[in-house]
Amino acid sequence: MVEKISSTIEDETGLRAMAIARTLAQSDEIQNNIGTPDGTSYIQPLAERTRLATGVEYIVVVDMDGIRYSHPVEDRIGKRFNESDLVPALANNEYISRAEGVLGPSVRAFVPVKVNEGTRQVGVVVVGILTPTISFLLRTIQTELYYSLGIGLLVGLLGSIFMARKIKSGMFSLEPKEIARLLEERVAIFQAMSEGIIAIDTNSRITVANKEVQHLLNKTNEEIVGRNIMELIPNSNLPEVLRTGKAQINSQMYINDTAVLVNRVPIRFKEEIVGAVATFQDKTEANRLAEELTGVKAFIEALRVQNHEHMNKLHTIAGLIQLEKYERALDYIYDLTEEQQEITGLLTKNIFDHSIAGLLLGKYTRAKELRAELIIDHKTRLRELPSRLETGDLAIIVGNLIENALDAVRLVEPARRKVYFSMYDQHDSLSIIVRDMGPGIPEEKHELIFQQGFSTKGSSNRGLGLFLVKRYVHLAGGSITLKNLVDGGVEFNIYIPKKEDVNITNSEQEGEK
């Protein structure tokens, strides 16, 4: 501290010396007489008056040869100034230097003397001021220092007693051993949980993280407590929960290509948000069960629709037989068999996923039940799902798009009750096209139809299908576009990349909720 005070004093002293030297360097009396034979008679009195008035140790004026024209010791006037730190000043530089002399340490300011409007240098003004030593400063503040230390010791003692009582009360009067045991129990519980747990403080720095989270982040051998959450999970929404104070339940996101369900809640203490905590649950097992359930539902729906349709067809065949139209009955049976075999063979051969194949077969029969036609492109293929797309997600996308298209053509004339579907499984992407010949969608509603709860059909139970479609497409890193057709109707185009080169941010996922 004393060294800092000494340095501050030296800096202030240097500025003071520099100001005096600049004033003298601009004096006409010095500028006009420096370098002249009798210049000393004019410069020395001025320098001494200034030295006595300002209290500096010495003022020395030299010409370009280093000859002194003023000095507190008159015997040195006319002699050469041999200090090495004069050389830069003779080269038209002003500066402050520190020196150790007979009387002690000093600060010296060097300022060039220039004439002809500053174009020619004729000499240098040197102003020196002694600076106090550290021992002198200590002797000066010794009494005040002891007094301050005494007061500080007393305040510290009283403060420590108060803080000890305050801390004891804040820790529910627990002893250190009891606190340590509770901490060990809490850590053991966190580490034993199958769900990942991670908590942050108000600065978004991780305060708690169990082994399951480290496993999800592939940071098993690294210490992640104390690091910023955004460094490890760039798409985390925990800072937003910290800012808004609103919990986010059952959100879906990807961590290192693993789909997880996340619950995020703020941590409150005395009505103040002091952090946020998130729990992560691997969605793989849940997805597997969902895929099985989705497949079963698809087949059940297909069987239900097929049963209804087949009853109608059997009634038609029975009627033809009763009317003794045997040839027409046979032709009708052959047509039905051929059509059914064709669509079943197409889906069985080209769609590897039985759940999606069953879904398409059910929608095909559903279209017939609605007296519409679902045209499945013969080039439709599905050999491999994109890495970020599950079977259940694809079933939701395809099922909702086809169902919406069938709804769109229900009320148009029979010739336009057609829905076109194609799915192209390429090397690096999966493309889906659904086109209908319905009334179309107004341009101003192209963005609104993907919002949750919005529906063009005026029903409170609708407005969820396309919202889910867009949500799962974005979760898979894909894009969805739609356009109105020239002849009426609308076409949906979905593109989902297979390579994991698309950064999915959690804000995008949350924006679809």
Protein backbone atom coordinates (compact mmCIF):
# COMPACT_ATOMS: atom_id res chain seq x y z
CA MET A 1 0.00 0.00 0.00
CA VAL A 2 2.84 2.35 0.91
CA GLU A 3 4.50 1.62 -2.42
CA LYS A 4 1.26 2.48 -4.19
CA ILE A 5 1.05 5.79 -2.29
CA SER A 6 4.67 6.55 -3.16
CA SER A 7 4.04 5.80 -6.83
CA THR A 8 0.97 8.04 -6.85
CA ILE A 9 2.95 10.89 -5.28
CA GLU A 10 5.70 10.47 -7.89
CA ASP A 11 3.16 10.62 -10.72
CA GLU A 12 1.56 13.79 -9.35
CA THR A 13 4.98 15.35 -8.74
CA GLY A 14 6.03 14.57 -12.30
CA LEU A 15 2.92 16.28 -13.69
CA ARG A 16 3.65 19.32 -11.54
CA ALA A 17 7.28 19.48 -12.74
CA MET A 18 6.15 19.08 -16.35
CA ALA A 19 3.69 21.99 -16.03
CA ILE A 20 6.41 24.31 -14.63
CA ALA A 21 8.91 23.25 -17.32
CA ARG A 22 6.37 23.86 -20.12
CA THR A 23 5.60 27.32 -18.76
CA LEU A 24 9.27 28.29 -18.67
CA ALA A 25 9.95 26.79 -22.11
CA GLN A 26 7.31 29.13 -23.57
CA SER A 27 8.78 32.20 -21.83
CA ASP A 28 10.00 34.87 -24.29
CA GLU A 29 12.84 35.77 -21.94
CA ILE A 30 14.28 32.25 -22.13
CA GLN A 31 13.55 31.75 -25.85
CA ASN A 32 15.25 35.06 -26.79
CA ASN A 33 18.34 34.73 -24.56
CA ILE A 34 19.25 31.10 -24.65
CA GLY A 35 22.37 30.61 -26.77
CA THR A 36 23.47 34.29 -26.43
CA PRO A 37 26.73 35.34 -24.65
CA ASP A 38 24.93 37.20 -21.85
CA GLY A 39 21.86 34.94 -21.75
CA THR A 40 22.68 33.79 -18.23
CA SER A 41 22.05 37.25 -16.80
CA TYR A 42 18.45 37.07 -17.99
CA ILE A 43 17.67 33.39 -17.61
CA GLN A 44 19.22 32.72 -14.15
CA PRO A 45 17.13 35.36 -12.25
CA LEU A 46 13.91 34.14 -13.91
CA ALA A 47 14.68 30.50 -13.12
CA GLU A 48 15.53 31.26 -9.47
CA ARG A 49 12.37 33.35 -8.95
CA THR A 50 10.29 30.53 -10.37
CA ARG A 51 12.12 27.90 -8.29
CA LEU A 52 11.56 29.78 -5.05
CA ALA A 53 7.93 30.56 -5.90
CA THR A 54 7.04 26.95 -6.82
CA GLY A 55 9.18 25.17 -4.21
CA VAL A 56 10.96 22.86 -6.66
CA GLU A 57 14.50 21.66 -6.01
CA TYR A 58 16.14 23.03 -9.14
CA ILE A 59 15.48 24.55 -12.54
CA VAL A 60 18.19 24.11 -15.17
CA VAL A 61 18.12 25.68 -18.65
CA VAL A 62 20.63 24.34 -21.20
CA ASP A 63 21.33 25.10 -24.85
CA MET A 64 21.71 22.52 -27.62
CA ASP A 65 25.32 21.88 -26.52
CA GLY A 66 24.20 21.04 -22.99
CA ILE A 67 25.66 24.24 -21.49
CA ARG A 68 23.80 25.41 -18.39
CA TYR A 69 22.27 28.92 -18.31
CA SER A 70 20.72 28.51 -14.87
CA HIS A 71 21.27 26.38 -11.77
CA PRO A 72 20.66 26.75 -8.00
CA VAL A 73 24.43 26.40 -7.52
CA GLU A 74 25.91 29.32 -9.49
CA ASP A 75 29.31 27.64 -9.87
CA ARG A 76 27.71 25.13 -12.25
CA ILE A 77 26.36 27.80 -14.60
CA GLY A 78 28.27 27.72 -17.88
CA LYS A 79 29.26 24.10 -17.44
CA ARG A 80 27.99 21.11 -19.39
CA PHE A 81 24.95 19.11 -18.25
CA ASN A 82 26.30 15.55 -18.47
CA GLU A 83 23.24 13.53 -17.46
CA SER A 84 22.46 10.74 -19.98
CA ASP A 85 18.70 11.31 -19.87
CA LEU A 86 19.19 14.77 -21.49
CA VAL A 87 19.88 13.24 -24.91
CA PRO A 88 16.22 12.49 -25.88
CA ALA A 89 15.21 16.05 -24.89
CA LEU A 90 17.83 17.50 -27.27
CA ALA A 91 16.07 15.47 -29.98
CA ASN A 92 12.83 17.47 -29.49
CA ASN A 93 11.18 15.08 -26.95
CA GLU A 94 9.49 16.01 -23.68
CA TYR A 95 9.27 13.42 -20.92
CA ILE A 96 9.55 12.70 -17.22
CA SER A 97 12.44 10.73 -15.73
CA ARG A 98 13.29 9.50 -12.25
CA ALA A 99 16.79 9.84 -10.80
CA GLU A 100 18.61 9.11 -7.53
CA GLY A 101 20.71 12.07 -6.41
CA VAL A 102 22.70 13.14 -3.38
CA LEU A 103 19.57 14.58 -1.72
CA GLY A 104 17.47 11.50 -2.50
CA PRO A 105 15.13 10.34 -5.26
CA SER A 106 13.73 12.96 -7.60
CA VAL A 107 11.43 13.38 -10.56
CA ARG A 108 12.70 15.48 -13.47
CA ALA A 109 10.70 16.97 -16.33
CA PHE A 110 12.48 17.69 -19.64
CA VAL A 111 10.78 20.12 -22.07
CA PRO A 112 12.40 21.39 -25.31
CA VAL A 113 12.64 25.17 -25.88
CA LYS A 114 11.55 26.02 -29.44
CA VAL A 115 11.41 29.27 -31.42
CA ASN A 116 10.10 30.40 -34.80
CA GLU A 117 6.63 29.08 -33.98
CA GLY A 118 8.00 25.76 -32.80
CA THR A 119 10.02 24.96 -35.91
CA ARG A 120 13.51 25.18 -34.34
CA GLN A 121 14.76 23.87 -30.99
CA VAL A 122 17.29 26.04 -29.13
CA GLY A 123 17.53 24.31 -25.76
CA VAL A 124 15.88 22.38 -22.92
CA VAL A 125 14.26 23.30 -19.60
CA VAL A 126 14.82 20.78 -16.79
CA VAL A 127 12.73 20.98 -13.60
CA GLY A 128 13.57 18.64 -10.69
CA ILE A 129 11.50 17.89 -7.56
CA LEU A 130 12.53 15.60 -4.71
CA THR A 131 10.09 12.77 -3.94
CA PRO A 132 9.53 11.29 -0.46
CA THR A 133 11.01 7.87 0.30
CA ILE A 134 8.95 4.93 1.56
CA SER A 135 10.56 5.18 5.01
CA PHE A 136 9.66 8.89 5.16
CA LEU A 137 6.07 8.10 4.23
CA LEU A 138 5.90 5.38 6.88
CA ARG A 139 7.18 7.75 9.54
CA THR A 140 4.65 10.33 8.43
CA ILE A 141 1.61 8.05 8.63
CA GLN A 142 2.85 5.87 11.51
CA THR A 143 0.43 7.23 14.10
CA GLU A 144 -2.54 7.20 11.74
CA LEU A 145 -1.62 3.67 10.62
CA TYR A 146 -1.58 2.28 14.18
CA TYR A 147 -4.85 4.06 14.92
CA SER A 148 -6.49 2.61 11.79
CA LEU A 149 -5.20 -0.89 12.51
CA GLY A 150 -6.59 -0.73 16.02
CA ILE A 151 -10.01 0.36 14.83
CA GLY A 152 -9.94 -2.29 12.08
CA LEU A 153 -9.05 -5.02 14.59
CA LEU A 154 -11.90 -3.99 16.88
CA VAL A 155 -14.42 -3.81 14.02
CA GLY A 156 -13.20 -7.17 12.68
CA LEU A 157 -13.60 -8.80 16.09
CA LEU A 158 -17.13 -7.49 16.55
CA GLY A 159 -18.01 -8.34 12.96
CA SER A 160 -16.69 -11.89 13.28
CA ILE A 161 -18.85 -12.46 16.38
CA PHE A 162 -21.92 -11.10 14.58
CA MET A 163 -21.22 -13.10 11.40
CA ALA A 164 -20.64 -16.29 13.38
CA ARG A 165 -24.06 -15.96 14.98
CA LYS A 166 -25.66 -15.03 11.64
CA ILE A 167 -24.09 -17.98 9.82
CA LYS A 168 -25.07 -20.34 12.62
CA SER A 169 -28.67 -19.17 12.36
CA GLY A 170 -28.65 -19.41 8.54
CA MET A 171 -27.43 -23.01 8.72
CA PHE A 172 -30.27 -24.01 11.04
CA SER A 173 -27.81 -24.32 13.92
CA LEU A 174 -26.16 -27.33 12.28
CA GLU A 175 -22.63 -28.29 13.19
CA PRO A 176 -19.99 -28.70 10.45
CA LYS A 177 -20.10 -32.49 10.72
CA GLU A 178 -23.86 -32.48 10.26
CA ILE A 179 -23.60 -30.20 7.26
CA ALA A 180 -20.95 -32.43 5.70
CA ARG A 181 -23.14 -35.52 6.22
CA LEU A 182 -26.16 -33.81 4.60
CA LEU A 183 -23.99 -32.76 1.67
CA GLU A 184 -22.68 -36.29 1.18
CA GLU A 185 -26.23 -37.66 1.30
CA ARG A 186 -27.43 -35.12 -1.26
CA VAL A 187 -24.55 -35.90 -3.61
CA ALA A 188 -25.17 -39.64 -3.26
CA ILE A 189 -28.88 -39.20 -4.06
CA PHE A 190 -28.12 -37.05 -7.13
CA GLN A 191 -25.57 -39.51 -8.45
CA ALA A 192 -27.89 -42.49 -7.93
CA MET A 193 -30.75 -41.00 -9.96
CA SER A 194 -31.35 -42.40 -13.44
CA GLU A 195 -32.35 -38.96 -14.71
CA GLY A 196 -29.76 -36.33 -15.47
CA ILE A 197 -29.83 -33.30 -13.20
CA ILE A 198 -28.07 -30.01 -13.80
CA ALA A 199 -28.50 -26.70 -11.96
CA ILE A 200 -27.16 -23.20 -12.61
CA ASP A 201 -26.80 -20.03 -10.57
CA THR A 202 -27.81 -16.49 -11.52
CA ASN A 203 -24.67 -16.18 -13.69
CA SER A 204 -25.62 -19.30 -15.70
CA ARG A 205 -22.74 -21.23 -14.16
CA ILE A 206 -23.26 -24.90 -13.31
CA THR A 207 -23.57 -25.59 -9.58
CA VAL A 208 -24.83 -29.19 -9.63
CA ALA A 209 -24.41 -31.94 -12.23
CA ASN A 210 -24.75 -35.68 -11.69
CA LYS A 211 -23.06 -38.53 -13.54
CA GLU A 212 -26.01 -39.11 -15.86
CA VAL A 213 -25.66 -35.57 -17.26
CA GLN A 214 -21.93 -36.04 -17.69
CA HIS A 215 -22.66 -39.26 -19.58
CA LEU A 216 -25.14 -37.47 -21.89
CA LEU A 217 -22.59 -34.71 -22.54
CA ASN A 218 -19.70 -37.15 -23.06
CA LYS A 219 -17.85 -35.35 -20.24
CA THR A 220 -17.45 -38.31 -17.89
CA ASN A 221 -13.80 -37.55 -17.15
CA GLU A 222 -14.14 -33.77 -16.99
CA GLU A 223 -15.22 -31.43 -14.20
CA ILE A 224 -18.16 -29.38 -15.50
CA VAL A 225 -19.25 -27.68 -12.25
CA GLY A 226 -18.37 -23.99 -12.46
CA ARG A 227 -18.51 -23.79 -16.25
CA ASN A 228 -21.09 -21.77 -18.15
CA ILE A 229 -24.09 -23.85 -19.23
CA MET A 230 -23.93 -22.43 -22.79
CA GLU A 231 -20.41 -23.82 -23.25
CA LEU A 232 -21.67 -27.38 -22.74
CA ILE A 233 -25.26 -27.13 -24.03
CA PRO A 234 -25.42 -24.24 -26.54
CA ASN A 235 -29.14 -24.83 -27.15
CA SER A 236 -30.06 -24.85 -23.46
CA ASN A 237 -33.09 -22.85 -22.36
CA LEU A 238 -32.09 -22.74 -18.69
CA PRO A 239 -30.92 -19.08 -18.93
CA GLU A 240 -34.36 -18.18 -20.33
CA VAL A 241 -36.06 -19.93 -17.39
CA LEU A 242 -33.70 -18.02 -15.11
CA ARG A 243 -34.72 -14.75 -16.78
CA THR A 244 -38.47 -15.29 -17.08
CA GLY A 245 -39.09 -17.44 -14.01
CA LYS A 246 -41.42 -19.68 -16.02
CA ALA A 247 -41.05 -23.44 -15.92
CA GLN A 248 -40.80 -25.50 -19.13
CA ILE A 249 -42.21 -29.00 -18.79
CA ASN A 250 -41.70 -31.99 -21.11
CA SER A 251 -39.66 -30.12 -23.72
CA GLN A 252 -37.77 -32.14 -26.31
CA MET A 253 -34.21 -31.45 -27.41
CA TYR A 254 -31.10 -33.22 -28.66
CA ILE A 255 -27.88 -33.59 -26.70
CA ASN A 256 -25.05 -35.19 -28.68
CA ASP A 257 -27.58 -36.80 -31.04
CA THR A 258 -29.56 -38.24 -28.13
CA ALA A 259 -33.22 -37.26 -27.93
CA VAL A 260 -34.12 -36.28 -24.38
CA LEU A 261 -37.16 -34.97 -22.54
CA VAL A 262 -36.34 -31.94 -20.41
CA ASN A 263 -38.10 -30.32 -17.46
CA ARG A 264 -36.80 -26.90 -16.49
CA VAL A 265 -37.91 -25.04 -13.36
CA PRO A 266 -36.60 -21.92 -11.59
CA ILE A 267 -35.11 -22.18 -8.10
CA ARG A 268 -36.66 -19.65 -5.72
CA PHE A 269 -35.50 -18.57 -2.28
CA LYS A 270 -37.69 -16.12 -0.38
CA GLU A 271 -39.57 -15.24 -3.59
CA GLU A 272 -36.31 -14.45 -5.40
CA ILE A 273 -34.95 -16.51 -8.29
CA VAL A 274 -31.50 -17.75 -7.32
CA GLY A 275 -30.99 -20.32 -10.08
CA ALA A 276 -32.62 -22.89 -12.32
CA VAL A 277 -32.55 -26.69 -12.52
CA ALA A 278 -33.21 -29.08 -15.39
CA THR A 279 -33.83 -32.81 -15.47
CA PHE A 280 -33.03 -34.89 -18.56
CA GLN A 281 -34.61 -38.21 -19.46
CA ASP A 282 -33.38 -40.28 -22.39
CA LYS A 283 -36.22 -40.52 -24.87
CA THR A 284 -34.94 -43.67 -26.59
CA GLU A 285 -37.00 -46.12 -24.56
CA ALA A 286 -40.09 -43.93 -24.69
CA ASN A 287 -39.66 -43.61 -28.45
CA ARG A 288 -39.44 -47.38 -28.80
CA LEU A 289 -42.73 -47.84 -26.97
CA ALA A 290 -44.29 -45.00 -28.94
CA GLU A 291 -43.21 -46.59 -32.21
CA GLU A 292 -44.82 -49.87 -31.22
CA LEU A 293 -48.00 -48.11 -30.14
CA THR A 294 -48.04 -46.01 -33.31
CA GLY A 295 -47.66 -49.12 -35.46
CA VAL A 296 -50.43 -50.95 -33.63
CA LYS A 297 -52.76 -47.98 -33.95
CA ALA A 298 -51.98 -47.64 -37.65
CA PHE A 299 -52.77 -51.28 -38.30
CA ILE A 300 -55.92 -51.13 -36.16
CA GLU A 301 -57.13 -48.09 -38.11
CA ALA A 302 -56.28 -49.80 -41.39
CA LEU A 303 -58.18 -52.96 -40.36
CA ARG A 304 -61.16 -50.94 -39.19
CA VAL A 305 -61.41 -49.00 -42.43
CA GLN A 306 -60.76 -52.10 -44.51
CA ASN A 307 -63.47 -54.00 -42.65
CA HIS A 308 -65.99 -51.25 -43.37
CA GLU A 309 -64.93 -51.03 -46.99
CA HIS A 310 -64.98 -54.80 -47.48
CA MET A 311 -68.49 -55.00 -46.04
CA ASN A 312 -69.62 -52.54 -48.68
CA LYS A 313 -67.84 -54.53 -51.38
CA LEU A 314 -69.38 -57.79 -50.18
CA HIS A 315 -72.81 -56.21 -50.28
CA THR A 316 -72.12 -55.12 -53.86
CA ILE A 317 -71.03 -58.64 -54.86
CA ALA A 318 -74.04 -60.18 -53.12
CA GLY A 319 -76.37 -57.81 -54.95
CA LEU A 320 -74.85 -58.64 -58.34
CA ILE A 321 -75.23 -62.36 -57.65
CA GLN A 322 -78.84 -61.91 -56.59
CA LEU A 323 -79.44 -60.04 -59.84
CA GLU A 324 -77.79 -62.97 -61.64
CA LYS A 325 -75.10 -60.65 -63.01
CA TYR A 326 -72.44 -63.32 -62.59
CA GLU A 327 -69.98 -61.96 -65.15
CA ARG A 328 -70.07 -58.48 -63.66
CA ALA A 329 -69.63 -59.92 -60.17
CA LEU A 330 -66.52 -61.83 -61.30
CA ASP A 331 -65.10 -58.75 -63.02
CA TYR A 332 -65.74 -56.70 -59.91
CA ILE A 333 -63.98 -59.27 -57.73
CA TYR A 334 -60.98 -59.42 -60.12
CA ASP A 335 -60.71 -55.61 -60.15
CA LEU A 336 -60.81 -55.42 -56.36
CA THR A 337 -58.22 -58.18 -55.97
CA GLU A 338 -55.86 -56.65 -58.51
CA GLU A 339 -56.13 -53.18 -56.98
CA GLN A 340 -55.59 -54.47 -53.45
CA GLN A 341 -52.63 -56.61 -54.46
CA GLU A 342 -51.07 -53.71 -56.32
CA ILE A 343 -51.20 -51.24 -53.43
CA THR A 344 -50.23 -53.89 -50.87
CA GLY A 345 -47.32 -55.08 -53.01
CA LEU A 346 -46.11 -51.50 -53.55
CA LEU A 347 -46.09 -50.67 -49.84
CA THR A 348 -44.61 -54.03 -48.79
CA LYS A 349 -41.80 -53.83 -51.31
CA ASN A 350 -40.87 -50.16 -51.03
CA ILE A 351 -41.56 -49.27 -47.37
CA PHE A 352 -39.27 -51.07 -44.93
CA ASP A 353 -41.06 -49.75 -41.84
CA HIS A 354 -44.23 -51.75 -41.24
CA SER A 355 -45.77 -48.96 -39.15
CA ILE A 356 -45.52 -46.47 -42.01
CA ALA A 357 -46.67 -49.08 -44.54
CA GLY A 358 -49.71 -49.86 -42.38
CA LEU A 359 -50.43 -46.16 -41.99
CA LEU A 360 -50.38 -45.58 -45.77
CA LEU A 361 -52.56 -48.64 -46.38
CA GLY A 362 -55.05 -47.38 -43.81
CA LYS A 363 -55.12 -43.90 -45.37
CA TYR A 364 -55.56 -45.47 -48.81
CA THR A 365 -58.64 -47.36 -47.63
CA ARG A 366 -59.80 -44.31 -45.68
CA ALA A 367 -59.74 -42.29 -48.90
CA LYS A 368 -61.98 -44.83 -50.59
CA GLU A 369 -64.37 -44.68 -47.67
CA LEU A 370 -64.58 -40.90 -48.21
CA ARG A 371 -65.13 -41.48 -51.96
CA ALA A 372 -61.78 -39.87 -52.69
CA GLU A 373 -58.64 -41.23 -54.31
CA LEU A 374 -55.23 -41.41 -52.64
CA ILE A 375 -52.62 -41.69 -55.36
CA ILE A 376 -49.37 -43.14 -54.01
CA ASP A 377 -46.45 -42.53 -56.36
CA HIS A 378 -44.92 -45.82 -57.52
CA LYS A 379 -41.45 -44.31 -56.90
CA THR A 380 -42.23 -43.94 -53.20
CA ARG A 381 -39.38 -45.44 -51.16
CA LEU A 382 -38.39 -45.64 -47.49
CA ARG A 383 -35.26 -47.66 -46.73
CA GLU A 384 -33.68 -45.75 -43.88
CA LEU A 385 -34.91 -43.05 -41.52
CA PRO A 386 -32.90 -39.85 -41.00
CA SER A 387 -30.86 -39.92 -37.79
CA ARG A 388 -33.03 -37.31 -36.05
CA LEU A 389 -36.38 -38.81 -37.08
CA GLU A 390 -38.19 -41.58 -35.26
CA THR A 391 -40.87 -43.82 -36.74
CA GLY A 392 -43.52 -42.29 -34.52
CA ASP A 393 -42.52 -38.78 -35.63
CA LEU A 394 -42.72 -39.75 -39.31
CA ALA A 395 -46.13 -41.35 -38.75
CA ILE A 396 -47.39 -38.09 -37.24
CA ILE A 397 -46.02 -36.07 -40.17
CA VAL A 398 -47.38 -38.33 -42.93
CA GLY A 399 -50.68 -39.12 -41.19
CA ASN A 400 -51.58 -35.49 -40.49
CA LEU A 401 -50.65 -34.26 -43.96
CA ILE A 402 -52.72 -36.95 -45.73
CA GLU A 403 -55.66 -36.53 -43.34
CA ASN A 404 -55.67 -32.75 -43.91
CA ALA A 405 -55.52 -33.31 -47.67
CA LEU A 406 -58.48 -35.74 -47.53
CA ASP A 407 -60.44 -33.20 -45.49
CA ALA A 408 -59.66 -30.55 -48.10
CA VAL A 409 -61.17 -32.56 -50.99
CA ARG A 410 -64.26 -33.90 -49.21
CA LEU A 411 -66.55 -31.09 -50.33
CA VAL A 412 -65.26 -30.53 -53.89
CA GLU A 413 -66.73 -32.12 -57.00
CA PRO A 414 -66.03 -35.86 -57.35
CA ALA A 415 -63.54 -35.42 -60.21
CA ARG A 416 -61.26 -33.32 -57.97
CA ARG A 417 -61.33 -35.58 -54.90
CA LYS A 418 -57.75 -36.66 -55.36
CA VAL A 419 -54.74 -36.60 -53.07
CA TYR A 420 -51.22 -37.28 -54.33
CA PHE A 421 -48.52 -38.67 -52.03
CA SER A 422 -44.86 -39.41 -52.66
CA MET A 423 -41.86 -40.10 -50.48
CA TYR A 424 -38.33 -40.20 -51.92
CA ASP A 425 -35.60 -41.83 -49.88
CA GLN A 426 -32.35 -40.40 -51.25
CA HIS A 427 -28.76 -40.88 -50.14
CA ASP A 428 -28.59 -37.71 -48.04
CA SER A 429 -32.23 -36.75 -47.46
CA LEU A 430 -35.86 -37.80 -47.22
CA SER A 431 -38.40 -35.81 -49.23
CA ILE A 432 -42.18 -35.97 -48.82
CA ILE A 433 -44.78 -34.38 -51.10
CA VAL A 434 -48.52 -34.25 -50.36
CA ARG A 435 -50.73 -32.54 -52.95
CA ASP A 436 -54.50 -32.14 -53.00
CA MET A 437 -57.05 -30.64 -55.41
CA GLY A 438 -59.05 -28.84 -52.75
CA PRO A 439 -59.87 -25.12 -52.48
CA GLY A 440 -56.31 -24.21 -51.43
CA ILE A 441 -55.07 -22.01 -48.59
CA PRO A 442 -54.96 -18.18 -48.84
CA GLU A 443 -51.44 -16.75 -48.95
CA GLU A 444 -51.98 -14.70 -45.79
CA LYS A 445 -52.68 -17.90 -43.82
CA HIS A 446 -49.61 -19.87 -44.91
CA GLU A 447 -47.79 -19.07 -41.69
CA LEU A 448 -50.85 -19.11 -39.43
CA ILE A 449 -51.82 -22.70 -40.22
CA PHE A 450 -48.72 -23.98 -38.38
CA GLN A 451 -49.65 -22.22 -35.14
CA GLN A 452 -51.11 -24.29 -32.36
CA GLY A 453 -54.89 -23.90 -32.13
CA PHE A 454 -55.33 -22.24 -35.54
CA SER A 455 -57.76 -23.99 -37.88
CA THR A 456 -59.59 -23.08 -41.06
CA LYS A 457 -62.40 -25.48 -40.12
CA GLY A 458 -63.72 -23.50 -37.16
CA SER A 459 -63.53 -26.33 -34.62
CA SER A 460 -62.12 -25.98 -31.13
CA ASN A 461 -60.68 -29.48 -31.31
CA ARG A 462 -58.59 -28.74 -34.37
CA GLY A 463 -55.47 -26.67 -35.03
CA LEU A 464 -52.99 -29.28 -33.74
CA GLY A 465 -52.09 -31.47 -36.74
CA LEU A 466 -49.97 -29.05 -38.79
CA PHE A 467 -48.48 -27.63 -35.60
CA LEU A 468 -47.18 -31.11 -34.75
CA VAL A 469 -46.01 -31.64 -38.34
CA LYS A 470 -43.86 -28.51 -38.32
CA ARG A 471 -42.58 -29.26 -34.82
CA TYR A 472 -41.32 -32.75 -35.70
CA VAL A 473 -39.90 -31.61 -39.04
CA HIS A 474 -37.86 -28.91 -37.28
CA LEU A 475 -36.75 -31.32 -34.57
CA ALA A 476 -35.38 -33.52 -37.33
CA GLY A 477 -33.48 -30.58 -38.80
CA GLY A 478 -35.74 -30.34 -41.85
CA SER A 479 -37.88 -27.72 -43.54
CA ILE A 480 -41.48 -27.53 -44.70
CA THR A 481 -42.89 -25.36 -47.48
CA LEU A 482 -46.27 -25.07 -49.10
CA LYS A 483 -47.62 -23.46 -52.24
CA ASN A 484 -50.97 -23.01 -53.90
CA LEU A 485 -51.37 -24.81 -57.22
CA VAL A 486 -52.46 -23.04 -60.39
CA ASP A 487 -55.45 -25.33 -60.92
CA GLY A 488 -56.48 -25.17 -57.25
CA GLY A 489 -55.34 -27.08 -54.21
CA VAL A 490 -52.16 -26.92 -52.21
CA GLU A 491 -48.85 -28.80 -52.15
CA PHE A 492 -46.74 -29.48 -49.04
CA ASN A 493 -43.03 -30.20 -49.53
CA ILE A 494 -40.96 -31.59 -46.68
CA TYR A 495 -37.19 -31.97 -46.76
CA ILE A 496 -35.33 -33.78 -43.96
CA PRO A 497 -31.53 -34.23 -44.20
CA LYS A 498 -29.98 -37.54 -43.19
CA LYS A 499 -26.60 -36.09 -42.33
CA GLU A 500 -26.20 -34.39 -38.97
CA ASP A 501 -25.00 -31.05 -40.34
CA VAL A 502 -27.92 -28.96 -39.20
CA ASN A 503 -27.70 -27.13 -35.88
CA ILE A 504 -31.00 -27.45 -34.05
CA THR A 505 -31.36 -24.78 -31.40
CA ASN A 506 -33.53 -25.26 -28.40
CA SER A 507 -35.17 -21.89 -29.06
CA GLU A 508 -36.45 -23.21 -32.39
CA GLN A 509 -37.85 -26.25 -30.67
CA GLU A 510 -39.48 -24.21 -27.95
CA GLY A 511 -40.88 -21.78 -30.52
CA GLU A 512 -42.96 -24.61 -31.95
CA LYS A 513 -44.64 -25.36 -28.65
